[in-house]
């Protein structure tokens, strides 16, 4: 059994990747799609730090530091598990419509499988923008006759009231991936000396753009049995007391602030 929690990005979010290519400091990416994601360890660490000390080790398990400095020499497993954070809707600039949130059948059906909802199949080029005017995106032009009017689009946007998502477009998987890649934030950083002269080279740092909607699954470990509801209640208290979280790096630059919205699913795999 598990639930979902949603993350609506209030500022660009940077989670370090495993490799650095040239002067580009990348973000964490799925190995099979190359799409950005938030590693579960990053989310888990943030939630653990936000949990009251009296419940911290019980919910999340102890750490090596706890073992080294205490009487208990064994690492213990926590009562909660957390999954990776996945993209659902990503904002892209549009010359004709301002901002449009895009997704693709792969991302939408991945979310649908986790929720267990029986929703209609979503096809590429579905939109709520109408099918007469062309849509000018950052690096693409879609003619009106390519687009299919999507009447039930709101069913595919959870926590819609807490977001700014109003204009949506479903693209083919490969085209969506390309547009997401070109819509990532890339900040140039240089090192200055005491005279504010550039010292050394420069680098680019990637980030997922604000107003992106993401989600992650969470649940309790199987062996809890009757204690699961108590654990879920304690974790919901953490969610409720921290509606805004900071995830990832560059906190001093205002990066990684997200609106956290828990959502009951209670779906069993």
Protein backbone atom coordinates (compact mmCIF):
# COMPACT_ATOMS: atom_id res chain seq x y z
CA UNK A 1 0.00 0.00 0.00
CA UNK A 2 1.27 3.46 -0.78
CA UNK A 3 0.27 7.08 -1.21
CA UNK A 4 1.44 9.97 -3.36
CA UNK A 5 2.69 13.42 -2.41
CA UNK A 6 2.94 16.26 -4.90
CA UNK A 7 5.66 18.87 -5.27
CA UNK A 8 4.84 22.16 -7.01
CA UNK A 9 8.11 23.98 -7.60
CA UNK A 10 8.18 27.57 -6.32
CA UNK A 11 11.76 28.16 -7.47
CA UNK A 12 14.29 26.36 -9.71
CA UNK A 13 15.35 23.02 -8.24
CA UNK A 14 18.86 21.56 -8.61
CA UNK A 15 19.74 18.02 -7.57
CA UNK A 16 23.29 17.01 -8.39
CA UNK A 17 23.88 14.46 -11.12
CA UNK A 18 26.40 11.63 -11.15
CA UNK A 19 28.58 13.08 -13.91
CA UNK A 20 29.86 16.45 -15.03
CA UNK A 21 30.43 17.06 -18.74
CA UNK A 22 32.86 19.85 -19.50
CA UNK A 23 31.75 23.01 -17.72
CA UNK A 24 28.13 21.82 -17.29
CA UNK A 25 27.09 20.77 -13.79
CA UNK A 26 24.10 18.60 -14.59
CA UNK A 27 21.13 17.42 -12.56
CA UNK A 28 19.97 13.92 -11.64
CA UNK A 29 18.43 12.12 -14.61
CA UNK A 30 16.65 8.83 -15.17
CA UNK A 31 19.00 6.37 -16.85
CA UNK A 32 16.45 5.10 -19.38
CA UNK A 33 14.78 8.40 -20.38
CA UNK A 34 17.40 11.04 -19.47
CA UNK A 35 14.55 13.10 -17.98
CA UNK A 36 15.22 15.01 -14.74
CA UNK A 37 14.01 13.50 -11.48
CA UNK A 38 14.53 13.90 -7.73
CA UNK A 39 16.34 10.95 -6.12
CA UNK A 40 14.40 9.35 -3.30
CA UNK A 41 17.40 9.77 -0.98
CA UNK A 42 17.18 13.55 -1.44
CA UNK A 43 13.47 13.65 -0.57
CA UNK A 44 13.95 11.23 2.32
CA UNK A 45 16.78 13.28 3.80
CA UNK A 46 14.74 16.46 3.66
CA UNK A 47 11.71 14.83 5.30
CA UNK A 48 13.89 13.20 7.96
CA UNK A 49 15.42 16.56 8.87
CA UNK A 50 11.89 18.02 9.12
CA UNK A 51 10.65 15.28 11.47
CA UNK A 52 10.61 16.02 15.23
CA UNK A 53 13.57 14.43 16.97
CA UNK A 54 11.40 12.12 19.09
CA UNK A 55 10.00 10.41 15.96
CA UNK A 56 13.01 10.75 13.65
CA UNK A 57 14.78 7.43 14.19
CA UNK A 58 11.51 5.53 14.50
CA UNK A 59 10.17 6.76 11.16
CA UNK A 60 13.41 6.92 9.20
CA UNK A 61 15.87 4.67 11.02
CA UNK A 62 19.10 5.69 12.68
CA UNK A 63 22.28 6.87 10.97
CA UNK A 64 25.95 5.95 11.10
CA UNK A 65 26.51 9.00 13.31
CA UNK A 66 23.92 7.63 15.75
CA UNK A 67 25.66 4.25 15.83
CA UNK A 68 29.12 5.75 16.32
CA UNK A 69 28.05 8.00 19.18
CA UNK A 70 25.50 5.87 21.02
CA UNK A 71 25.06 2.63 22.85
CA UNK A 72 23.17 0.94 20.02
CA UNK A 73 25.74 -0.38 17.52
CA UNK A 74 23.24 -1.64 14.94
CA UNK A 75 21.71 0.31 12.09
CA UNK A 76 17.91 0.09 12.19
CA UNK A 77 15.41 0.34 9.36
CA UNK A 78 12.82 3.08 9.43
CA UNK A 79 9.08 2.57 9.24
CA UNK A 80 8.59 4.71 6.12
CA UNK A 81 9.81 4.32 2.55
CA UNK A 82 9.96 7.09 -0.07
CA UNK A 83 10.23 6.79 -3.86
CA UNK A 84 11.81 9.00 -6.52
CA UNK A 85 10.22 12.28 -7.55
CA UNK A 86 8.93 12.18 -11.16
CA UNK A 87 7.88 14.88 -13.60
CA UNK A 88 4.21 15.25 -14.45
CA UNK A 89 3.76 18.73 -16.01
CA UNK A 90 6.56 21.08 -17.07
CA UNK A 91 6.10 24.76 -18.09
CA UNK A 92 7.53 25.91 -21.41
CA UNK A 93 7.44 29.40 -22.95
CA UNK A 94 5.08 30.06 -25.85
CA UNK A 95 5.07 33.11 -28.12
CA UNK A 96 1.35 32.60 -28.81
CA UNK A 97 0.05 31.55 -25.38
CA UNK A 98 2.53 32.84 -22.79
CA UNK A 99 3.23 29.69 -20.78
CA UNK A 100 2.02 26.17 -21.60
CA UNK A 101 2.48 23.10 -19.42
CA UNK A 102 3.55 20.07 -21.40
CA UNK A 103 3.61 16.36 -20.71
CA UNK A 104 3.60 13.15 -22.76
CA UNK A 105 1.74 9.82 -22.76
CA UNK A 106 4.63 8.05 -21.03
CA UNK A 107 4.71 10.46 -18.06
CA UNK A 108 0.93 10.63 -17.75
CA UNK A 109 0.39 6.89 -17.88
CA UNK A 110 3.19 6.34 -15.39
CA UNK A 111 1.30 8.57 -12.97
CA UNK A 112 -1.99 6.85 -13.85
CA UNK A 113 -0.58 3.42 -12.99
CA UNK A 114 0.51 4.65 -9.56
CA UNK A 115 -2.87 6.21 -8.76
CA UNK A 116 -4.87 3.20 -9.97
CA UNK A 117 -7.37 5.50 -11.69
CA UNK A 118 -9.25 4.28 -14.76
CA UNK A 119 -8.87 7.33 -16.96
CA UNK A 120 -9.14 7.59 -20.71
CA UNK A 121 -6.03 6.96 -22.76
CA UNK A 122 -4.23 10.20 -23.56
CA UNK A 123 -2.96 10.64 -27.10
CA UNK A 124 -0.17 12.89 -28.32
CA UNK A 125 -1.17 16.39 -29.48
CA UNK A 126 -4.08 16.58 -27.02
CA UNK A 127 -4.70 20.08 -25.68
CA UNK A 128 -7.26 22.38 -24.06
CA UNK A 129 -6.12 25.30 -26.25
CA UNK A 130 -8.55 24.55 -29.08
CA UNK A 131 -7.63 23.31 -32.54
CA UNK A 132 -7.81 26.39 -34.74
CA UNK A 133 -4.89 28.68 -33.88
CA UNK A 134 -1.29 27.48 -34.28
CA UNK A 135 0.72 27.08 -31.10
CA UNK A 136 4.18 28.65 -31.07
CA UNK A 137 6.45 26.97 -28.56
CA UNK A 138 10.04 27.78 -27.76
CA UNK A 139 11.49 25.57 -30.49
CA UNK A 140 8.44 24.27 -32.36
CA UNK A 141 5.32 25.36 -34.21
CA UNK A 142 2.18 23.21 -34.06
CA UNK A 143 -0.54 23.83 -36.62
CA UNK A 144 -4.12 23.94 -35.48
CA UNK A 145 -5.13 20.87 -37.48
CA UNK A 146 -2.50 18.81 -35.62
CA UNK A 147 -4.16 19.35 -32.26
CA UNK A 148 -6.99 17.38 -30.70
CA UNK A 149 -9.27 19.13 -28.23
CA UNK A 150 -8.92 17.51 -24.80
CA UNK A 151 -12.15 17.88 -22.87
CA UNK A 152 -11.19 15.92 -19.72
CA UNK A 153 -7.75 17.45 -19.22
CA UNK A 154 -8.52 18.50 -15.64
CA UNK A 155 -8.70 14.85 -14.54
CA UNK A 156 -4.98 14.54 -15.31
CA UNK A 157 -3.89 17.48 -13.17
CA UNK A 158 -3.97 16.65 -9.46
CA UNK A 159 -3.97 19.52 -6.93
CA UNK A 160 -4.97 21.84 -9.80
CA UNK A 161 -6.33 24.41 -7.35
CA UNK A 162 -2.87 24.80 -5.77
CA UNK A 163 -1.09 25.37 -9.09
CA UNK A 164 -1.07 27.86 -11.94
CA UNK A 165 -1.68 25.19 -14.58
CA UNK A 166 -4.37 26.35 -17.02
CA UNK A 167 -3.01 25.68 -20.51
CA UNK A 168 -1.80 22.16 -21.25
CA UNK A 169 -0.44 20.23 -24.20
CA UNK A 170 0.42 16.54 -24.56
CA UNK A 171 3.25 15.92 -27.00
CA UNK A 172 4.79 12.70 -28.34
CA UNK A 173 7.34 11.26 -25.91
CA UNK A 174 10.40 12.17 -27.99
CA UNK A 175 9.23 15.74 -28.71
CA UNK A 176 8.28 16.32 -25.09
CA UNK A 177 11.70 15.19 -23.94
CA UNK A 178 13.38 17.65 -26.34
CA UNK A 179 11.27 20.59 -25.16
CA UNK A 180 11.83 19.75 -21.50
CA UNK A 181 15.56 19.68 -22.15
CA UNK A 182 15.54 23.12 -23.78
CA UNK A 183 13.34 24.54 -20.99
CA UNK A 184 15.68 23.66 -18.12
CA UNK A 185 17.19 26.61 -16.29
CA UNK A 186 20.92 27.01 -16.89
CA UNK A 187 22.76 29.48 -14.70
CA UNK A 188 26.26 30.67 -15.56
CA UNK A 189 28.55 30.86 -12.52
CA UNK A 190 32.00 32.43 -12.41
CA UNK A 191 34.53 32.80 -9.61
CA UNK A 192 35.67 36.34 -8.79
CA UNK A 193 38.73 37.40 -6.84
CA UNK A 194 38.86 40.18 -4.25
CA UNK A 195 38.97 42.77 -7.05
CA UNK A 196 35.83 41.28 -8.66
CA UNK A 197 37.86 40.06 -11.59
CA UNK A 198 37.04 36.70 -13.12
CA UNK A 199 39.34 34.08 -11.65
CA UNK A 200 39.46 30.83 -13.56
CA UNK A 201 36.73 29.52 -15.84
CA UNK A 202 32.98 29.43 -15.64
CA UNK A 203 30.36 26.71 -15.43
CA UNK A 204 26.69 26.17 -16.15
CA UNK A 205 24.38 24.72 -13.51
CA UNK A 206 21.10 23.12 -14.55
CA UNK A 207 17.81 23.29 -12.65
CA UNK A 208 14.23 22.14 -13.11
CA UNK A 209 12.10 25.27 -13.77
CA UNK A 210 9.64 26.71 -11.23
CA UNK A 211 5.94 25.90 -11.65
CA UNK A 212 6.80 22.30 -12.56
CA UNK A 213 4.46 19.72 -11.03
CA UNK A 214 6.13 16.56 -9.69
CA UNK A 215 5.14 13.74 -7.35
CA UNK A 216 6.65 10.91 -5.33
CA UNK A 217 5.18 7.73 -3.79
CA UNK A 218 5.53 6.92 -0.11
CA UNK A 219 4.31 4.25 2.25
CA UNK A 220 5.03 2.13 5.29
CA UNK A 221 7.17 -1.00 5.42
CA UNK A 222 5.29 -4.29 5.22
CA UNK A 223 6.14 -5.69 8.67
CA UNK A 224 4.36 -2.89 10.56
CA UNK A 225 0.95 -4.58 10.28
CA UNK A 226 -1.42 -2.85 12.74
CA UNK A 227 0.98 0.02 13.46
CA UNK A 228 0.88 1.35 9.90
CA UNK A 229 -1.92 3.86 10.52
CA UNK A 230 -0.04 5.42 13.44
CA UNK A 231 3.09 5.78 11.28
CA UNK A 232 1.11 7.32 8.43
CA UNK A 233 -0.51 9.75 10.85
CA UNK A 234 2.89 10.83 12.19
CA UNK A 235 4.21 11.38 8.68
CA UNK A 236 1.14 13.38 7.69
CA UNK A 237 1.85 15.61 10.69
CA UNK A 238 5.30 16.26 9.19
CA UNK A 239 3.70 17.09 5.83
CA UNK A 240 1.13 19.41 7.41
CA UNK A 241 3.74 21.26 9.49
CA UNK A 242 6.02 21.80 6.47
CA UNK A 243 3.85 22.87 3.51
CA UNK A 244 6.94 24.53 2.01
CA UNK A 245 10.15 22.50 1.81
CA UNK A 246 13.61 23.19 0.44
CA UNK A 247 14.96 20.27 -1.61
CA UNK A 248 18.32 19.92 -3.32
CA UNK A 249 21.25 22.30 -3.36
CA UNK A 250 21.82 26.06 -3.54
CA UNK A 251 19.51 26.91 -0.65
CA UNK A 252 21.38 30.20 -0.11
CA UNK A 253 20.37 31.20 -3.65
CA UNK A 254 16.69 30.45 -3.04
CA UNK A 255 16.75 27.26 -5.09
CA UNK A 256 14.65 24.20 -4.45
CA UNK A 257 11.65 25.62 -2.60
CA UNK A 258 8.57 23.51 -3.24
CA UNK A 259 4.96 23.40 -2.12
CA UNK A 260 4.30 19.95 -0.63
CA UNK A 261 0.77 18.57 -0.99
CA UNK A 262 0.07 15.05 0.36
CA UNK A 263 -2.62 13.07 -1.40
CA UNK A 264 -4.43 9.94 -0.29
CA UNK A 265 -4.21 7.09 -2.78
CA UNK A 266 -4.07 3.89 -0.73
CA UNK A 267 -3.28 1.83 -3.81
CA UNK A 268 -1.76 -1.61 -3.46
CA UNK A 269 0.75 -3.06 -5.92
